[in-house]
């Protein structure tokens, strides 16, 4: 009888300990808790020593290991600020996804146009600096297809973008434009009309090499560096 009482007493103590531990765990990690919805929730992953992958929400810092920024949905339009301090973070920093970056305006934008009549050659650009061309628009006001030549003009005078043209250099191309049509040439990688400090300046030349009884207009868009 006494032995049975001792066994029951031990079972009661074990049951009480189990209940206390269950209550403690329920306060630390609720049964219906979502670790993704609460990044500060104490979990096995976040309680492990630094050196593993941790989220930006984990403190204290610095963090030894890799930091993953998993903003969702992506892309992120605007700036992504990481306000954890103190920094730096020692380890690998990973941005999960692609953050959309708004391109800045060029500091020296360029636009110019040339009205070509007959077979005369026109040039536009800058005598100092190099010209980066991002697009060219050609409008043919003739009743026949016209052939237009675009090139990097060579001048005998250093730092000039006007006067007698003594030759042509690259970049250069020939464009066929149908009667009463407009074509637009886009250059995601800009055509660079490099200024070499000598006979080449930041200029672009254009000439109609076929019979041009009306006129052809060439518009150039880009930037100067």
Protein backbone atom coordinates (compact mmCIF):
# COMPACT_ATOMS: atom_id res chain seq x y z
CA UNK A 1 0.00 0.00 0.00
CA UNK A 2 2.81 2.43 0.87
CA UNK A 3 4.64 1.58 -2.35
CA UNK A 4 1.50 2.40 -4.34
CA UNK A 5 1.21 5.77 -2.58
CA UNK A 6 4.84 6.61 -3.48
CA UNK A 7 4.23 5.78 -7.16
CA UNK A 8 1.11 7.96 -7.26
CA UNK A 9 2.95 10.82 -5.55
CA UNK A 10 5.78 10.70 -8.12
CA UNK A 11 3.27 10.65 -10.99
CA UNK A 12 1.53 13.71 -9.58
CA UNK A 13 4.82 15.65 -9.37
CA UNK A 14 5.72 14.75 -12.98
CA UNK A 15 2.29 15.86 -14.14
CA UNK A 16 2.65 19.20 -12.32
CA UNK A 17 6.09 19.82 -13.88
CA UNK A 18 4.70 19.05 -17.33
CA UNK A 19 1.87 21.52 -16.84
CA UNK A 20 4.27 24.30 -15.67
CA UNK A 21 6.59 23.77 -18.64
CA UNK A 22 3.60 23.79 -21.01
CA UNK A 23 2.38 27.10 -19.58
CA UNK A 24 5.85 28.66 -19.98
CA UNK A 25 6.13 27.51 -23.59
CA UNK A 26 2.62 28.77 -24.33
CA UNK A 27 3.66 32.26 -23.16
CA UNK A 28 6.92 32.22 -25.20
CA UNK A 29 5.60 30.54 -28.38
CA UNK A 30 1.81 30.59 -28.79
CA UNK A 31 0.42 27.54 -30.52
CA UNK A 32 -1.13 29.58 -33.34
CA UNK A 33 1.85 31.90 -33.77
CA UNK A 34 3.11 32.63 -37.28
CA UNK A 35 6.92 33.20 -37.34
CA UNK A 36 6.66 35.02 -40.68
CA UNK A 37 4.06 37.44 -39.31
CA UNK A 38 6.16 38.12 -36.19
CA UNK A 39 9.89 38.33 -37.03
CA UNK A 40 10.76 38.97 -33.33
CA UNK A 41 9.19 35.65 -32.23
CA UNK A 42 11.63 33.46 -30.34
CA UNK A 43 12.23 30.41 -32.50
CA UNK A 44 14.89 27.77 -32.76
CA UNK A 45 16.44 29.54 -35.76
CA UNK A 46 16.66 32.99 -34.13
CA UNK A 47 17.94 31.60 -30.83
CA UNK A 48 20.90 29.94 -32.50
CA UNK A 49 24.27 31.67 -32.32
CA UNK A 50 25.14 34.39 -34.84
CA UNK A 51 26.91 33.12 -37.92
CA UNK A 52 23.78 31.65 -39.46
CA UNK A 53 21.27 33.49 -41.65
CA UNK A 54 19.30 36.04 -39.60
CA UNK A 55 16.68 38.62 -40.50
CA UNK A 56 17.11 42.39 -40.25
CA UNK A 57 14.60 42.45 -37.39
CA UNK A 58 16.94 40.49 -35.11
CA UNK A 59 18.92 42.45 -32.50
CA UNK A 60 21.41 43.19 -31.05
CA UNK A 61 23.88 44.21 -33.73
CA UNK A 62 26.45 43.92 -35.25
CA UNK A 63 25.36 40.61 -36.76
CA UNK A 64 27.99 38.02 -37.52
CA UNK A 65 26.78 36.11 -40.56
CA UNK A 66 24.43 36.87 -43.43
CA UNK A 67 21.52 39.32 -43.35
CA UNK A 68 18.60 38.64 -45.71
CA UNK A 69 16.20 41.42 -46.70
CA UNK A 70 13.12 39.64 -48.07
CA UNK A 71 10.78 42.53 -48.80
CA UNK A 72 7.63 41.37 -50.58
CA UNK A 73 6.07 42.16 -52.97
CA UNK A 74 8.95 43.19 -55.22
CA UNK A 75 10.15 45.26 -57.00
CA UNK A 76 10.46 48.00 -54.42
CA UNK A 77 9.76 51.43 -55.90
CA UNK A 78 11.78 54.02 -54.03
CA UNK A 79 14.46 53.63 -51.40
CA UNK A 80 15.02 50.70 -49.05
CA UNK A 81 16.21 51.89 -45.64
CA UNK A 82 17.90 49.62 -43.10
CA UNK A 83 17.67 51.46 -39.79
CA UNK A 84 19.34 48.88 -37.54
CA UNK A 85 22.18 50.20 -35.45
CA UNK A 86 24.95 50.02 -34.57
CA UNK A 87 26.42 49.05 -37.90
CA UNK A 88 28.37 47.76 -39.85
CA UNK A 89 27.07 44.22 -40.28
CA UNK A 90 29.91 41.74 -40.39
CA UNK A 91 29.13 39.10 -42.97
CA UNK A 92 27.11 38.84 -46.17
CA UNK A 93 24.23 41.20 -46.93
CA UNK A 94 21.61 39.83 -49.33
CA UNK A 95 18.68 41.71 -50.88
CA UNK A 96 16.09 39.15 -52.00
CA UNK A 97 14.56 40.47 -55.22
CA UNK A 98 15.22 43.43 -57.47
CA UNK A 99 14.68 46.98 -56.24
CA UNK A 100 13.49 49.29 -59.01
CA UNK A 101 15.73 52.35 -59.28
CA UNK A 102 14.49 55.48 -61.01
CA UNK A 103 17.17 56.66 -63.47
CA UNK A 104 18.53 60.12 -62.83
CA UNK A 105 18.34 62.88 -65.43
CA UNK A 106 21.62 63.50 -67.29
CA UNK A 107 23.48 66.51 -65.96
CA UNK A 108 24.02 67.82 -69.52
CA UNK A 109 21.16 66.70 -71.79
CA UNK A 110 21.43 67.38 -75.52
CA UNK A 111 18.91 67.81 -78.33
CA UNK A 112 19.41 69.26 -81.80
CA UNK A 113 18.02 68.98 -85.32
CA UNK A 114 19.28 69.33 -88.89
CA UNK A 115 17.15 70.20 -91.94
CA UNK A 116 18.81 68.64 -94.97
CA UNK A 117 18.09 69.98 -98.46
CA UNK A 118 19.74 68.71 -101.61
CA UNK A 119 22.89 66.75 -100.78
CA UNK A 120 24.42 69.23 -98.38
CA UNK A 121 26.03 68.03 -95.15
CA UNK A 122 24.97 69.36 -91.75
CA UNK A 123 26.54 68.90 -88.32
CA UNK A 124 25.37 69.49 -84.75
CA UNK A 125 26.92 68.80 -81.39
CA UNK A 126 29.37 70.36 -78.95
CA UNK A 127 32.90 71.55 -79.76
CA UNK A 128 34.05 70.61 -76.25
CA UNK A 129 33.08 67.36 -74.57
CA UNK A 130 31.87 64.07 -76.01
CA UNK A 131 28.35 63.48 -77.32
CA UNK A 132 26.37 60.40 -76.33
CA UNK A 133 23.44 59.79 -78.70
CA UNK A 134 20.51 57.77 -77.35
CA UNK A 135 18.08 58.25 -80.25
CA UNK A 136 17.87 59.68 -83.77
CA UNK A 137 14.61 60.56 -85.54
CA UNK A 138 14.61 61.00 -89.35
CA UNK A 139 11.61 62.37 -91.26
CA UNK A 140 11.49 62.20 -95.06
CA UNK A 141 9.31 64.87 -96.69
CA UNK A 142 10.09 63.66 -100.22
CA UNK A 143 7.91 61.60 -102.53
CA UNK A 144 10.70 59.04 -102.95
CA UNK A 145 12.81 56.89 -100.61
CA UNK A 146 15.89 58.73 -99.37
CA UNK A 147 19.24 57.42 -98.17
CA UNK A 148 20.64 59.28 -95.15
CA UNK A 149 24.22 58.94 -93.94
CA UNK A 150 25.10 59.57 -90.26
CA UNK A 151 28.77 59.83 -89.27
CA UNK A 152 31.37 61.36 -86.96
CA UNK A 153 32.70 64.41 -88.87
CA UNK A 154 36.37 65.37 -89.04
CA UNK A 155 37.27 69.07 -89.05
CA UNK A 156 40.66 70.60 -89.83
CA UNK A 157 40.33 72.97 -86.87
CA UNK A 158 40.70 71.58 -83.35
CA UNK A 159 37.62 71.84 -81.12
CA UNK A 160 35.25 72.77 -83.94
CA UNK A 161 31.76 71.58 -84.82
CA UNK A 162 31.28 73.70 -87.94
CA UNK A 163 33.11 74.50 -91.14
CA UNK A 164 34.62 72.42 -93.91
CA UNK A 165 34.41 68.67 -93.27
CA UNK A 166 37.53 66.83 -94.35
CA UNK A 167 36.38 63.28 -93.60
CA UNK A 168 34.30 60.98 -91.47
CA UNK A 169 34.95 58.52 -88.64
CA UNK A 170 32.96 56.01 -86.63
CA UNK A 171 30.30 55.68 -85.48
CA UNK A 172 28.64 55.87 -88.87
CA UNK A 173 25.61 54.28 -90.56
CA UNK A 174 23.28 54.56 -93.55
CA UNK A 175 19.50 54.68 -93.13
CA UNK A 176 16.84 54.24 -95.82
CA UNK A 177 13.67 56.26 -95.15
CA UNK A 178 10.56 55.69 -97.24
CA UNK A 179 8.63 58.58 -98.81
CA UNK A 180 6.67 60.67 -96.31
CA UNK A 181 7.75 58.39 -93.46
CA UNK A 182 9.54 58.86 -90.15
CA UNK A 183 11.94 56.37 -88.56
CA UNK A 184 13.27 56.44 -85.03
CA UNK A 185 16.56 54.79 -84.08
CA UNK A 186 16.95 53.87 -80.39
CA UNK A 187 20.36 53.18 -78.84
CA UNK A 188 20.10 51.58 -75.36
CA UNK A 189 23.89 51.65 -75.38
CA UNK A 190 24.56 55.23 -76.52
CA UNK A 191 26.52 55.98 -79.67
CA UNK A 192 29.56 57.91 -78.41
CA UNK A 193 30.95 60.68 -80.61
CA UNK A 194 34.20 61.02 -78.73
CA UNK A 195 36.14 64.27 -78.44
CA UNK A 196 39.83 63.40 -78.78
CA UNK A 197 41.03 66.96 -78.23
CA UNK A 198 42.05 67.19 -81.89
CA UNK A 199 40.20 66.81 -85.17
CA UNK A 200 37.31 64.87 -83.60
CA UNK A 201 34.76 66.75 -81.52
CA UNK A 202 31.47 65.79 -79.87
CA UNK A 203 29.59 66.29 -83.16
CA UNK A 204 27.38 64.21 -85.45
CA UNK A 205 27.05 64.79 -89.19
CA UNK A 206 24.24 63.91 -91.60
CA UNK A 207 23.88 63.93 -95.39
CA UNK A 208 21.25 62.77 -97.89
CA UNK A 209 23.15 60.79 -100.53
CA UNK A 210 20.21 60.34 -102.96
CA UNK A 211 18.26 62.90 -104.99
CA UNK A 212 16.61 65.14 -102.41
CA UNK A 213 14.11 67.45 -104.05
CA UNK A 214 12.30 68.24 -100.83
CA UNK A 215 13.87 68.01 -97.40
CA UNK A 216 14.86 65.52 -94.70
CA UNK A 217 14.85 66.40 -91.02
CA UNK A 218 17.21 64.68 -88.55
CA UNK A 219 16.68 65.11 -84.80
CA UNK A 220 19.28 63.94 -82.29
CA UNK A 221 18.71 63.27 -78.59
CA UNK A 222 21.36 62.41 -76.01
CA UNK A 223 23.74 63.88 -73.45
CA UNK A 224 27.15 65.50 -73.16
CA UNK A 225 30.08 64.41 -71.02
